[in-house]
């Protein structure tokens, strides 16, 4: 999958030890998607990452541009049992 990363997203990959393959997999096969509450251009993609303790990865993407731009990503602690 062809993705563009914001500078914040590139930093987050390193700081949060997130594998870029997990990001692509989350966008390609999300368990759930959500519209962003503040920015209509952003969409949240969520998926469990089995290789990281089955934690839920939230990837925030501007999918109105080509290629889609990953804005941020993090492991969402609020959704550990809800997804």
PDB file of N, CA and C in Angstrom:
ATOM      1  N   UNK A   1       0.853  -1.183   0.000  1.00  0.00           N
ATOM      2  CA  UNK A   1       0.000   0.000   0.000  1.00  0.00           C
ATOM      3  C   UNK A   1       0.894   1.240   0.000  1.00  0.00           C
ATOM      4  N   UNK A   2       0.568   2.167  -0.879  1.00  0.00           N
ATOM      5  CA  UNK A   2       1.329   3.402  -0.990  1.00  0.00           C
ATOM      6  C   UNK A   2       0.762   4.425  -0.008  1.00  0.00           C
ATOM      7  N   UNK A   3       1.550   4.807   0.989  1.00  0.00           N
ATOM      8  CA  UNK A   3       1.130   5.767   2.006  1.00  0.00           C
ATOM      9  C   UNK A   3       2.145   6.884   2.114  1.00  0.00           C
ATOM     10  N   UNK A   4       1.667   8.046   2.513  1.00  0.00           N
ATOM     11  CA  UNK A   4       2.542   9.160   2.851  1.00  0.00           C
ATOM     12  C   UNK A   4       2.421   9.352   4.364  1.00  0.00           C
ATOM     13  N   UNK A   5       3.520   9.720   5.007  1.00  0.00           N
ATOM     14  CA  UNK A   5       3.515   9.926   6.460  1.00  0.00           C
ATOM     15  C   UNK A   5       3.827  11.384   6.771  1.00  0.00           C
ATOM     16  N   UNK A   6       3.054  11.997   7.663  1.00  0.00           N
ATOM     17  CA  UNK A   6       3.388  13.337   8.148  1.00  0.00           C
ATOM     18  C   UNK A   6       4.650  13.234   8.991  1.00  0.00           C
ATOM     19  N   UNK A   7       5.284  14.354   9.263  1.00  0.00           N
ATOM     20  CA  UNK A   7       6.495  14.313  10.092  1.00  0.00           C
ATOM     21  C   UNK A   7       6.169  13.789  11.487  1.00  0.00           C
ATOM     22  N   UNK A   8       5.010  14.150  12.016  1.00  0.00           N
ATOM     23  CA  UNK A   8       4.598  13.630  13.328  1.00  0.00           C
ATOM     24  C   UNK A   8       4.449  12.107  13.277  1.00  0.00           C
ATOM     25  N   UNK A   9       3.834  11.605  12.208  1.00  0.00           N
ATOM     26  CA  UNK A   9       3.632  10.157  12.085  1.00  0.00           C
ATOM     27  C   UNK A   9       4.973   9.430  11.968  1.00  0.00           C
ATOM     28  N   UNK A  10       5.917   9.994  11.233  1.00  0.00           N
ATOM     29  CA  UNK A  10       7.248   9.363  11.128  1.00  0.00           C
ATOM     30  C   UNK A  10       7.920   9.305  12.499  1.00  0.00           C
ATOM     31  N   UNK A  11       7.812  10.386  13.257  1.00  0.00           N
ATOM     32  CA  UNK A  11       8.380  10.402  14.610  1.00  0.00           C
ATOM     33  C   UNK A  11       7.680   9.383  15.511  1.00  0.00           C
ATOM     34  N   UNK A  12       6.356   9.287  15.384  1.00  0.00           N
ATOM     35  CA  UNK A  12       5.582   8.367  16.216  1.00  0.00           C
ATOM     36  C   UNK A  12       5.954   6.912  15.942  1.00  0.00           C
ATOM     37  N   UNK A  13       6.237   6.578  14.679  1.00  0.00           N
ATOM     38  CA  UNK A  13       6.656   5.209  14.353  1.00  0.00           C
ATOM     39  C   UNK A  13       7.862   4.801  15.188  1.00  0.00           C
ATOM     40  N   UNK A  14       8.816   5.708  15.290  1.00  0.00           N
ATOM     41  CA  UNK A  14      10.056   5.422  16.019  1.00  0.00           C
ATOM     42  C   UNK A  14       9.829   5.461  17.525  1.00  0.00           C
ATOM     43  N   UNK A  15       9.237   6.541  18.012  1.00  0.00           N
ATOM     44  CA  UNK A  15       9.065   6.729  19.452  1.00  0.00           C
ATOM     45  C   UNK A  15       8.159   5.665  20.082  1.00  0.00           C
ATOM     46  N   UNK A  16       7.140   5.246  19.337  1.00  0.00           N
ATOM     47  CA  UNK A  16       6.162   4.301  19.881  1.00  0.00           C
ATOM     48  C   UNK A  16       6.437   2.871  19.449  1.00  0.00           C
ATOM     49  N   UNK A  17       7.542   2.691  18.722  1.00  0.00           N
ATOM     50  CA  UNK A  17       7.973   1.366  18.257  1.00  0.00           C
ATOM     51  C   UNK A  17       6.854   0.652  17.508  1.00  0.00           C
ATOM     52  N   UNK A  18       6.290   1.341  16.524  1.00  0.00           N
ATOM     53  CA  UNK A  18       5.211   0.792  15.708  1.00  0.00           C
ATOM     54  C   UNK A  18       5.785   0.387  14.362  1.00  0.00           C
ATOM     55  N   UNK A  19       5.535  -0.834  13.980  1.00  0.00           N
ATOM     56  CA  UNK A  19       6.019  -1.370  12.715  1.00  0.00           C
ATOM     57  C   UNK A  19       5.155  -0.802  11.578  1.00  0.00           C
ATOM     58  N   UNK A  20       5.779  -0.246  10.527  1.00  0.00           N
ATOM     59  CA  UNK A  20       4.999   0.275   9.399  1.00  0.00           C
ATOM     60  C   UNK A  20       4.070  -0.773   8.769  1.00  0.00           C
ATOM     61  N   UNK A  21       4.438  -2.040   8.844  1.00  0.00           N
ATOM     62  CA  UNK A  21       3.557  -3.097   8.335  1.00  0.00           C
ATOM     63  C   UNK A  21       2.257  -3.155   9.132  1.00  0.00           C
ATOM     64  N   UNK A  22       2.320  -2.883  10.438  1.00  0.00           N
ATOM     65  CA  UNK A  22       1.116  -2.869  11.260  1.00  0.00           C
ATOM     66  C   UNK A  22       0.197  -1.730  10.819  1.00  0.00           C
ATOM     67  N   UNK A  23       0.790  -0.587  10.483  1.00  0.00           N
ATOM     68  CA  UNK A  23       0.013   0.571  10.029  1.00  0.00           C
ATOM     69  C   UNK A  23      -0.722   0.213   8.735  1.00  0.00           C
ATOM     70  N   UNK A  24       0.010  -0.321   7.774  1.00  0.00           N
ATOM     71  CA  UNK A  24      -0.594  -0.689   6.491  1.00  0.00           C
ATOM     72  C   UNK A  24      -1.685  -1.741   6.678  1.00  0.00           C
ATOM     73  N   UNK A  25      -1.407  -2.725   7.511  1.00  0.00           N
ATOM     74  CA  UNK A  25      -2.380  -3.792   7.756  1.00  0.00           C
ATOM     75  C   UNK A  25      -3.642  -3.237   8.418  1.00  0.00           C
ATOM     76  N   UNK A  26      -3.483  -2.294   9.326  1.00  0.00           N
ATOM     77  CA  UNK A  26      -4.631  -1.686  10.008  1.00  0.00           C
ATOM     78  C   UNK A  26      -5.496  -0.914   9.019  1.00  0.00           C
ATOM     79  N   UNK A  27      -4.858  -0.202   8.097  1.00  0.00           N
ATOM     80  CA  UNK A  27      -5.616   0.569   7.108  1.00  0.00           C
ATOM     81  C   UNK A  27      -6.291  -0.359   6.096  1.00  0.00           C
ATOM     82  N   UNK A  28      -5.607  -1.407   5.692  1.00  0.00           N
ATOM     83  CA  UNK A  28      -6.149  -2.320   4.690  1.00  0.00           C
ATOM     84  C   UNK A  28      -7.257  -3.220   5.241  1.00  0.00           C
ATOM     85  N   UNK A  29      -7.146  -3.617   6.514  1.00  0.00           N
ATOM     86  CA  UNK A  29      -8.108  -4.551   7.121  1.00  0.00           C
ATOM     87  C   UNK A  29      -8.505  -4.110   8.522  1.00  0.00           C
ATOM     88  N   UNK A  30      -9.147  -2.968   8.647  1.00  0.00           N
ATOM     89  CA  UNK A  30      -9.525  -2.511   9.994  1.00  0.00           C
ATOM     90  C   UNK A  30     -10.651  -3.352  10.578  1.00  0.00           C
ATOM     91  N   UNK A  31     -10.643  -3.453  11.893  1.00  0.00           N
ATOM     92  CA  UNK A  31     -11.770  -4.079  12.589  1.00  0.00           C
ATOM     93  C   UNK A  31     -12.908  -3.072  12.654  1.00  0.00           C
ATOM     94  N   UNK A  32     -12.514  -1.788  12.733  1.00  0.00           N
ATOM     95  CA  UNK A  32     -13.505  -0.717  12.811  1.00  0.00           C
ATOM     96  C   UNK A  32     -12.906   0.565  12.241  1.00  0.00           C
ATOM     97  N   UNK A  33     -13.750   1.425  11.681  1.00  0.00           N
ATOM     98  CA  UNK A  33     -13.322   2.762  11.269  1.00  0.00           C
ATOM     99  C   UNK A  33     -14.243   3.774  11.925  1.00  0.00           C
ATOM    100  N   UNK A  34     -13.711   4.969  12.129  1.00  0.00           N
ATOM    101  CA  UNK A  34     -14.491   6.036  12.755  1.00  0.00           C
ATOM    102  C   UNK A  34     -14.169   7.344  12.053  1.00  0.00           C
ATOM    103  N   UNK A  35     -15.158   8.201  11.909  1.00  0.00           N
ATOM    104  CA  UNK A  35     -14.924   9.551  11.419  1.00  0.00           C
ATOM    105  C   UNK A  35     -14.282  10.352  12.547  1.00  0.00           C
ATOM    106  N   UNK A  36     -13.416  11.284  12.204  1.00  0.00           N
ATOM    107  CA  UNK A  36     -12.815  12.150  13.202  1.00  0.00           C
ATOM    108  C   UNK A  36     -13.868  13.159  13.660  1.00  0.00           C
ATOM    109  N   UNK A  37     -13.938  13.418  14.949  1.00  0.00           N
ATOM    110  CA  UNK A  37     -14.960  14.304  15.493  1.00  0.00           C
ATOM    111  C   UNK A  37     -14.713  15.770  15.168  1.00  0.00           C
ATOM    112  N   UNK A  38     -13.449  16.128  14.883  1.00  0.00           N
ATOM    113  CA  UNK A  38     -13.116  17.536  14.661  1.00  0.00           C
ATOM    114  C   UNK A  38     -12.745  17.869  13.223  1.00  0.00           C
ATOM    115  N   UNK A  39     -12.232  16.908  12.477  1.00  0.00           N
ATOM    116  CA  UNK A  39     -11.763  17.176  11.122  1.00  0.00           C
ATOM    117  C   UNK A  39     -12.408  16.193  10.144  1.00  0.00           C
ATOM    118  N   UNK A  40     -13.290  16.673   9.276  1.00  0.00           N
ATOM    119  CA  UNK A  40     -13.994  15.764   8.368  1.00  0.00           C
ATOM    120  C   UNK A  40     -13.084  15.078   7.339  1.00  0.00           C
ATOM    121  N   UNK A  41     -11.854  15.555   7.174  1.00  0.00           N
ATOM    122  CA  UNK A  41     -10.932  14.920   6.227  1.00  0.00           C
ATOM    123  C   UNK A  41     -10.220  13.705   6.826  1.00  0.00           C
ATOM    124  N   UNK A  42     -10.335  13.515   8.134  1.00  0.00           N
ATOM    125  CA  UNK A  42      -9.608  12.433   8.798  1.00  0.00           C
ATOM    126  C   UNK A  42     -10.518  11.262   9.117  1.00  0.00           C
ATOM    127  N   UNK A  43      -9.939  10.080   9.044  1.00  0.00           N
ATOM    128  CA  UNK A  43     -10.630   8.835   9.389  1.00  0.00           C
ATOM    129  C   UNK A  43      -9.704   8.031  10.288  1.00  0.00           C
ATOM    130  N   UNK A  44     -10.288   7.366  11.280  1.00  0.00           N
ATOM    131  CA  UNK A  44      -9.544   6.535  12.220  1.00  0.00           C
ATOM    132  C   UNK A  44      -9.752   5.069  11.839  1.00  0.00           C
ATOM    133  N   UNK A  45      -8.659   4.348  11.734  1.00  0.00           N
ATOM    134  CA  UNK A  45      -8.691   2.911  11.433  1.00  0.00           C
ATOM    135  C   UNK A  45      -8.184   2.176  12.666  1.00  0.00           C
ATOM    136  N   UNK A  46      -8.899   1.141  13.091  1.00  0.00           N
ATOM    137  CA  UNK A  46      -8.529   0.411  14.295  1.00  0.00           C
ATOM    138  C   UNK A  46      -8.415  -1.077  14.016  1.00  0.00           C
ATOM    139  N   UNK A  47      -7.375  -1.694  14.588  1.00  0.00           N
ATOM    140  CA  UNK A  47      -7.191  -3.141  14.453  1.00  0.00           C
ATOM    141  C   UNK A  47      -6.338  -3.646  15.605  1.00  0.00           C
ATOM    142  N   UNK A  48      -6.538  -4.903  15.954  1.00  0.00           N
ATOM    143  CA  UNK A  48      -5.705  -5.544  16.974  1.00  0.00           C
ATOM    144  C   UNK A  48      -4.401  -5.984  16.340  1.00  0.00           C
ATOM    145  N   UNK A  49      -3.315  -5.772  17.074  1.00  0.00           N
ATOM    146  CA  UNK A  49      -1.995  -6.184  16.614  1.00  0.00           C
ATOM    147  C   UNK A  49      -1.550  -7.342  17.501  1.00  0.00           C
ATOM    148  N   UNK A  50      -1.676  -8.540  16.975  1.00  0.00           N
ATOM    149  CA  UNK A  50      -1.366  -9.744  17.751  1.00  0.00           C
ATOM    150  C   UNK A  50       0.100  -9.797  18.170  1.00  0.00           C
ATOM    151  N   UNK A  51       0.979  -9.281  17.317  1.00  0.00           N
ATOM    152  CA  UNK A  51       2.412  -9.303  17.624  1.00  0.00           C
ATOM    153  C   UNK A  51       2.796  -8.354  18.754  1.00  0.00           C
ATOM    154  N   UNK A  52       1.871  -7.499  19.155  1.00  0.00           N
ATOM    155  CA  UNK A  52       2.143  -6.550  20.229  1.00  0.00           C
ATOM    156  C   UNK A  52       1.128  -6.736  21.352  1.00  0.00           C
ATOM    157  N   UNK A  53       0.984  -7.945  21.814  1.00  0.00           N
ATOM    158  CA  UNK A  53       0.122  -8.230  22.958  1.00  0.00           C
ATOM    159  C   UNK A  53      -1.350  -8.059  22.684  1.00  0.00           C
ATOM    160  N   UNK A  54      -1.754  -8.136  21.408  1.00  0.00           N
ATOM    161  CA  UNK A  54      -3.162  -8.017  21.033  1.00  0.00           C
ATOM    162  C   UNK A  54      -3.722  -6.624  21.325  1.00  0.00           C
ATOM    163  N   UNK A  55      -2.833  -5.633  21.386  1.00  0.00           N
ATOM    164  CA  UNK A  55      -3.254  -4.250  21.645  1.00  0.00           C
ATOM    165  C   UNK A  55      -3.929  -3.663  20.406  1.00  0.00           C
ATOM    166  N   UNK A  56      -4.772  -2.637  20.623  1.00  0.00           N
ATOM    167  CA  UNK A  56      -5.509  -1.997  19.543  1.00  0.00           C
ATOM    168  C   UNK A  56      -4.704  -0.812  19.013  1.00  0.00           C
ATOM    169  N   UNK A  57      -4.376  -0.872  17.722  1.00  0.00           N
ATOM    170  CA  UNK A  57      -3.673   0.226  17.069  1.00  0.00           C
ATOM    171  C   UNK A  57      -4.699   1.131  16.400  1.00  0.00           C
ATOM    172  N   UNK A  58      -4.604   2.429  16.695  1.00  0.00           N
ATOM    173  CA  UNK A  58      -5.456   3.445  16.067  1.00  0.00           C
ATOM    174  C   UNK A  58      -4.570   4.227  15.102  1.00  0.00           C
ATOM    175  N   UNK A  59      -4.934   4.226  13.822  1.00  0.00           N
ATOM    176  CA  UNK A  59      -4.184   4.950  12.800  1.00  0.00           C
ATOM    177  C   UNK A  59      -5.104   6.029  12.242  1.00  0.00           C
ATOM    178  N   UNK A  60      -4.647   7.274  12.295  1.00  0.00           N
ATOM    179  CA  UNK A  60      -5.448   8.409  11.838  1.00  0.00           C
ATOM    180  C   UNK A  60      -4.911   8.834  10.474  1.00  0.00           C
ATOM    181  N   UNK A  61      -5.812   8.859   9.489  1.00  0.00           N
ATOM    182  CA  UNK A  61      -5.417   9.040   8.100  1.00  0.00           C
ATOM    183  C   UNK A  61      -6.269  10.112   7.430  1.00  0.00           C
ATOM    184  N   UNK A  62      -5.602  10.942   6.630  1.00  0.00           N
ATOM    185  CA  UNK A  62      -6.314  11.829   5.725  1.00  0.00           C
ATOM    186  C   UNK A  62      -6.444  11.053   4.430  1.00  0.00           C
ATOM    187  N   UNK A  63      -7.621  10.479   4.198  1.00  0.00           N
ATOM    188  CA  UNK A  63      -7.800   9.659   3.002  1.00  0.00           C
ATOM    189  C   UNK A  63      -8.470  10.430   1.873  1.00  0.00           C
ATOM    190  N   UNK A  64      -8.495  11.773   1.992  1.00  0.00           N
ATOM    191  CA  UNK A  64      -9.024  12.600   0.908  1.00  0.00           C
ATOM    192  C   UNK A  64      -7.926  13.007  -0.060  1.00  0.00           C
ATOM    193  N   UNK A  65      -6.676  12.654   0.239  1.00  0.00           N
ATOM    194  CA  UNK A  65      -5.544  12.970  -0.631  1.00  0.00           C
ATOM    195  C   UNK A  65      -4.981  11.676  -1.206  1.00  0.00           C
ATOM    196  N   UNK A  66      -4.210  11.808  -2.289  1.00  0.00           N
ATOM    197  CA  UNK A  66      -3.575  10.653  -2.912  1.00  0.00           C
ATOM    198  C   UNK A  66      -2.074  10.902  -2.952  1.00  0.00           C
ATOM    199  N   UNK A  67      -1.282  10.000  -2.387  1.00  0.00           N
ATOM    200  CA  UNK A  67      -1.678   8.827  -1.619  1.00  0.00           C
ATOM    201  C   UNK A  67      -2.212   9.238  -0.245  1.00  0.00           C
ATOM    202  N   UNK A  68      -2.934   8.340   0.418  1.00  0.00           N
ATOM    203  CA  UNK A  68      -3.433   8.650   1.761  1.00  0.00           C
ATOM    204  C   UNK A  68      -2.282   9.051   2.681  1.00  0.00           C
ATOM    205  N   UNK A  69      -2.528  10.062   3.528  1.00  0.00           N
ATOM    206  CA  UNK A  69      -1.490  10.567   4.431  1.00  0.00           C
ATOM    207  C   UNK A  69      -1.787  10.130   5.864  1.00  0.00           C
ATOM    208  N   UNK A  70      -0.870   9.361   6.439  1.00  0.00           N
ATOM    209  CA  UNK A  70      -0.979   8.955   7.836  1.00  0.00           C
ATOM    210  C   UNK A  70      -0.583  10.162   8.677  1.00  0.00           C
ATOM    211  N   UNK A  71      -1.485  10.583   9.553  1.00  0.00           N
ATOM    212  CA  UNK A  71      -1.267  11.766  10.379  1.00  0.00           C
ATOM    213  C   UNK A  71      -0.688  11.383  11.733  1.00  0.00           C
ATOM    214  N   UNK A  72      -1.188  10.284  12.304  1.00  0.00           N
ATOM    215  CA  UNK A  72      -0.714   9.825  13.604  1.00  0.00           C
ATOM    216  C   UNK A  72      -1.145   8.381  13.815  1.00  0.00           C
ATOM    217  N   UNK A  73      -0.554   7.761  14.832  1.00  0.00           N
ATOM    218  CA  UNK A  73      -0.962   6.421  15.229  1.00  0.00           C
ATOM    219  C   UNK A  73      -0.527   6.198  16.664  1.00  0.00           C
ATOM    220  N   UNK A  74      -1.323   5.380  17.375  1.00  0.00           N
ATOM    221  CA  UNK A  74      -0.975   5.044  18.756  1.00  0.00           C
ATOM    222  C   UNK A  74      -1.760   3.817  19.173  1.00  0.00           C
ATOM    223  N   UNK A  75      -1.272   3.156  20.201  1.00  0.00           N
ATOM    224  CA  UNK A  75      -2.005   2.041  20.784  1.00  0.00           C
ATOM    225  C   UNK A  75      -3.029   2.623  21.736  1.00  0.00           C
ATOM    226  N   UNK A  76      -4.291   2.358  21.464  1.00  0.00           N
ATOM    227  CA  UNK A  76      -5.396   2.955  22.199  1.00  0.00           C
ATOM    228  C   UNK A  76      -5.726   2.107  23.424  1.00  0.00           C
ATOM    229  N   UNK A  77      -5.316   2.560  24.569  1.00  0.00           N
ATOM    230  CA  UNK A  77      -5.528   1.813  25.820  1.00  0.00           C
ATOM    231  C   UNK A  77      -6.992   1.742  26.218  1.00  0.00           C
ATOM    232  N   UNK A  78      -7.791   2.696  25.750  1.00  0.00           N
ATOM    233  CA  UNK A  78      -9.218   2.703  26.106  1.00  0.00           C
ATOM    234  C   UNK A  78      -9.969   1.554  25.467  1.00  0.00           C
ATOM    235  N   UNK A  79      -9.422   0.964  24.398  1.00  0.00           N
ATOM    236  CA  UNK A  79     -10.153  -0.055  23.655  1.00  0.00           C
ATOM    237  C   UNK A  79      -9.617  -1.462  23.833  1.00  0.00           C
ATOM    238  N   UNK A  80      -8.840  -1.702  24.848  1.00  0.00           N
ATOM    239  CA  UNK A  80      -8.231  -3.024  24.987  1.00  0.00           C
ATOM    240  C   UNK A  80      -9.256  -4.151  25.107  1.00  0.00           C
ATOM    241  N   UNK A  81     -10.388  -3.909  25.728  1.00  0.00           N
ATOM    242  CA  UNK A  81     -11.385  -4.966  25.882  1.00  0.00           C
ATOM    243  C   UNK A  81     -12.644  -4.715  25.067  1.00  0.00           C
ATOM    244  N   UNK A  82     -12.770  -3.563  24.433  1.00  0.00           N
ATOM    245  CA  UNK A  82     -14.006  -3.194  23.736  1.00  0.00           C
ATOM    246  C   UNK A  82     -14.009  -3.502  22.248  1.00  0.00           C
ATOM    247  N   UNK A  83     -12.887  -3.874  21.680  1.00  0.00           N
ATOM    248  CA  UNK A  83     -12.856  -4.061  20.227  1.00  0.00           C
ATOM    249  C   UNK A  83     -12.743  -5.525  19.873  1.00  0.00           C
TER     250      UNK A  83
END
